[in-house]
Amino acid sequence: MDTSEGTVIGVFTCEQCDLSSPYTFYGQKPPNTRAIVLLEECYGMRDPFNPEREKFLVLGSKCCLCKKTVCVGTECSIFYTKRFCLPCVREHLEQFPEQIQMELAKKKTAKKM
């Protein structure tokens, strides 16, 4: 199976929002890229909106605490040195920097409006 040509190797599904999409690579090194190494093991695919083979989209990764598969959407996860799903962030909020705590508080307030 040649993943460098964008062959689908599975279907990524976010356990938070149910976003579902085929993925063509998993890991830190997207195919057809020379100097790119991602900071996390992630699910990705070639960008279907760009004809350049080296362009890609990161779909998501696994939460480093609970191991659930989550997308990179701001309602589902954050990346702070590692990927965290929002339920785990809320559960361990006091262990995150004040800036992240304030951002989550803003989101909570905006949702109530």
C-alpha atoms as a PDB file:
ATOM      1  CA  MET A   1       0.000   0.000   0.000  1.00  0.00           C
ATOM      2  CA  ASP A   2       1.603   3.281  -1.113  1.00  0.00           C
ATOM      3  CA  THR A   3       0.647   6.057   1.323  1.00  0.00           C
ATOM      4  CA  SER A   4       2.802   8.588  -0.526  1.00  0.00           C
ATOM      5  CA  GLU A   5       0.188   8.700  -3.268  1.00  0.00           C
ATOM      6  CA  GLY A   6      -2.668   9.348  -0.856  1.00  0.00           C
ATOM      7  CA  THR A   7      -4.024   5.821  -0.536  1.00  0.00           C
ATOM      8  CA  VAL A   8      -6.626   5.676   2.220  1.00  0.00           C
ATOM      9  CA  ILE A   9      -5.403   3.543   5.115  1.00  0.00           C
ATOM     10  CA  GLY A  10      -8.382   4.004   7.418  1.00  0.00           C
ATOM     11  CA  VAL A  11     -11.145   6.299   8.604  1.00  0.00           C
ATOM     12  CA  PHE A  12     -10.463   8.889  11.287  1.00  0.00           C
ATOM     13  CA  THR A  13     -13.400   9.538  13.637  1.00  0.00           C
ATOM     14  CA  CYS A  14     -13.354  12.129  16.399  1.00  0.00           C
ATOM     15  CA  GLU A  15     -14.773  10.714  19.631  1.00  0.00           C
ATOM     16  CA  GLN A  16     -15.968  14.188  20.675  1.00  0.00           C
ATOM     17  CA  CYS A  17     -17.848  15.522  17.634  1.00  0.00           C
ATOM     18  CA  ASP A  18     -18.061  12.452  15.359  1.00  0.00           C
ATOM     19  CA  LEU A  19     -16.161  14.180  12.538  1.00  0.00           C
ATOM     20  CA  SER A  20     -15.249  11.377  10.185  1.00  0.00           C
ATOM     21  CA  SER A  21     -12.818  11.412   7.274  1.00  0.00           C
ATOM     22  CA  PRO A  22     -10.524   8.987   5.484  1.00  0.00           C
ATOM     23  CA  TYR A  23      -6.857   9.402   6.415  1.00  0.00           C
ATOM     24  CA  THR A  24      -3.803   8.666   4.321  1.00  0.00           C
ATOM     25  CA  PHE A  25      -1.065   8.812   6.953  1.00  0.00           C
ATOM     26  CA  TYR A  26      -0.505   8.399  10.674  1.00  0.00           C
ATOM     27  CA  GLY A  27       2.642   9.632  12.356  1.00  0.00           C
ATOM     28  CA  GLN A  28       4.897  12.636  12.706  1.00  0.00           C
ATOM     29  CA  LYS A  29       6.217  12.698   9.131  1.00  0.00           C
ATOM     30  CA  PRO A  30       3.666  13.416   6.389  1.00  0.00           C
ATOM     31  CA  PRO A  31       4.466  11.774   3.044  1.00  0.00           C
ATOM     32  CA  ASN A  32       5.960  13.877   0.229  1.00  0.00           C
ATOM     33  CA  THR A  33       7.418  16.418   2.654  1.00  0.00           C
ATOM     34  CA  ARG A  34      11.109  16.914   3.194  1.00  0.00           C
ATOM     35  CA  ALA A  35      11.697  18.998   6.279  1.00  0.00           C
ATOM     36  CA  ILE A  36       8.396  18.706   8.128  1.00  0.00           C
ATOM     37  CA  VAL A  37       8.204  16.745  11.358  1.00  0.00           C
ATOM     38  CA  LEU A  38       5.014  17.223  13.365  1.00  0.00           C
ATOM     39  CA  LEU A  39       5.087  17.577  17.148  1.00  0.00           C
ATOM     40  CA  GLU A  40       2.685  14.679  17.664  1.00  0.00           C
ATOM     41  CA  GLU A  41       1.660  11.382  16.130  1.00  0.00           C
ATOM     42  CA  CYS A  42      -1.391  12.414  14.144  1.00  0.00           C
ATOM     43  CA  TYR A  43      -3.883  11.339  11.526  1.00  0.00           C
ATOM     44  CA  GLY A  44      -3.689  13.274   8.290  1.00  0.00           C
ATOM     45  CA  MET A  45      -4.500  13.367   4.634  1.00  0.00           C
ATOM     46  CA  ARG A  46      -3.358  15.063   1.466  1.00  0.00           C
ATOM     47  CA  ASP A  47      -5.110  18.419   1.088  1.00  0.00           C
ATOM     48  CA  PRO A  48      -7.891  17.720  -1.448  1.00  0.00           C
ATOM     49  CA  PHE A  49      -8.177  21.445  -2.249  1.00  0.00           C
ATOM     50  CA  ASN A  50      -4.540  21.900  -3.242  1.00  0.00           C
ATOM     51  CA  PRO A  51      -2.915  20.299  -6.300  1.00  0.00           C
ATOM     52  CA  GLU A  52       0.554  20.297  -4.683  1.00  0.00           C
ATOM     53  CA  ARG A  53       1.344  16.785  -3.407  1.00  0.00           C
ATOM     54  CA  GLU A  54       3.244  17.995  -0.355  1.00  0.00           C
ATOM     55  CA  LYS A  55       0.280  19.935   1.092  1.00  0.00           C
ATOM     56  CA  PHE A  56      -1.589  18.071   3.818  1.00  0.00           C
ATOM     57  CA  LEU A  57      -4.268  18.452   6.480  1.00  0.00           C
ATOM     58  CA  VAL A  58      -3.948  17.263  10.067  1.00  0.00           C
ATOM     59  CA  LEU A  59      -7.243  15.692  11.125  1.00  0.00           C
ATOM     60  CA  GLY A  60      -6.472  14.885  14.745  1.00  0.00           C
ATOM     61  CA  SER A  61      -4.609  12.760  17.230  1.00  0.00           C
ATOM     62  CA  LYS A  62      -5.049  10.828  20.462  1.00  0.00           C
ATOM     63  CA  CYS A  63      -5.497  12.620  23.787  1.00  0.00           C
ATOM     64  CA  CYS A  64      -2.304  12.036  25.742  1.00  0.00           C
ATOM     65  CA  LEU A  65      -4.278  11.364  28.944  1.00  0.00           C
ATOM     66  CA  CYS A  66      -7.349   9.285  28.056  1.00  0.00           C
ATOM     67  CA  LYS A  67      -6.161   8.082  24.605  1.00  0.00           C
ATOM     68  CA  LYS A  68      -9.452   9.034  22.902  1.00  0.00           C
ATOM     69  CA  THR A  69      -9.146   9.992  19.250  1.00  0.00           C
ATOM     70  CA  VAL A  70      -9.996  13.686  18.849  1.00  0.00           C
ATOM     71  CA  CYS A  71      -9.944  16.154  15.966  1.00  0.00           C
ATOM     72  CA  VAL A  72      -7.991  19.415  16.026  1.00  0.00           C
ATOM     73  CA  GLY A  73     -11.209  21.460  16.221  1.00  0.00           C
ATOM     74  CA  THR A  74     -11.224  24.005  19.045  1.00  0.00           C
ATOM     75  CA  GLU A  75     -14.408  22.495  20.496  1.00  0.00           C
ATOM     76  CA  CYS A  76     -12.763  19.070  20.797  1.00  0.00           C
ATOM     77  CA  SER A  77      -9.103  19.449  21.755  1.00  0.00           C
ATOM     78  CA  ILE A  78      -6.135  21.709  22.368  1.00  0.00           C
ATOM     79  CA  PHE A  79      -2.444  21.243  21.740  1.00  0.00           C
ATOM     80  CA  TYR A  80      -0.268  22.337  24.648  1.00  0.00           C
ATOM     81  CA  THR A  81       3.034  20.456  24.372  1.00  0.00           C
ATOM     82  CA  LYS A  82       0.782  17.432  23.668  1.00  0.00           C
ATOM     83  CA  ARG A  83      -2.808  16.875  22.468  1.00  0.00           C
ATOM     84  CA  PHE A  84      -5.524  17.030  25.152  1.00  0.00           C
ATOM     85  CA  CYS A  85      -9.258  16.468  24.665  1.00  0.00           C
ATOM     86  CA  LEU A  86     -11.363  19.218  26.263  1.00  0.00           C
ATOM     87  CA  PRO A  87     -12.935  16.905  28.889  1.00  0.00           C
ATOM     88  CA  CYS A  88      -9.413  16.062  30.141  1.00  0.00           C
ATOM     89  CA  VAL A  89      -8.432  19.755  30.062  1.00  0.00           C
ATOM     90  CA  ARG A  90     -11.467  20.629  32.180  1.00  0.00           C
ATOM     91  CA  GLU A  91     -10.731  17.767  34.582  1.00  0.00           C
ATOM     92  CA  HIS A  92      -7.126  18.926  35.072  1.00  0.00           C
ATOM     93  CA  LEU A  93      -7.636  22.650  34.428  1.00  0.00           C
ATOM     94  CA  GLU A  94      -5.572  23.815  37.412  1.00  0.00           C
ATOM     95  CA  GLN A  95      -2.506  22.111  35.895  1.00  0.00           C
ATOM     96  CA  PHE A  96      -2.665  24.245  32.725  1.00  0.00           C
ATOM     97  CA  PRO A  97      -1.263  27.781  32.351  1.00  0.00           C
ATOM     98  CA  GLU A  98      -3.504  30.688  33.304  1.00  0.00           C
ATOM     99  CA  GLN A  99      -3.855  31.754  29.658  1.00  0.00           C
ATOM    100  CA  ILE A 100      -5.449  28.407  28.719  1.00  0.00           C
ATOM    101  CA  GLN A 101      -7.699  28.565  31.788  1.00  0.00           C
ATOM    102  CA  MET A 102      -8.873  32.051  30.728  1.00  0.00           C
ATOM    103  CA  GLU A 103      -9.476  30.942  27.119  1.00  0.00           C
ATOM    104  CA  LEU A 104     -11.669  28.068  28.291  1.00  0.00           C
ATOM    105  CA  ALA A 105     -13.574  30.410  30.606  1.00  0.00           C
ATOM    106  CA  LYS A 106     -14.199  32.767  27.643  1.00  0.00           C
ATOM    107  CA  LYS A 107     -15.490  29.874  25.518  1.00  0.00           C
ATOM    108  CA  LYS A 108     -17.822  28.792  28.310  1.00  0.00           C
ATOM    109  CA  THR A 109     -19.181  32.359  28.637  1.00  0.00           C
ATOM    110  CA  ALA A 110     -19.617  32.724  24.861  1.00  0.00           C
ATOM    111  CA  LYS A 111     -21.567  29.438  24.687  1.00  0.00           C
ATOM    112  CA  LYS A 112     -24.034  30.659  27.324  1.00  0.00           C
ATOM    113  CA  MET A 113     -24.899  33.774  25.274  1.00  0.00           C
END
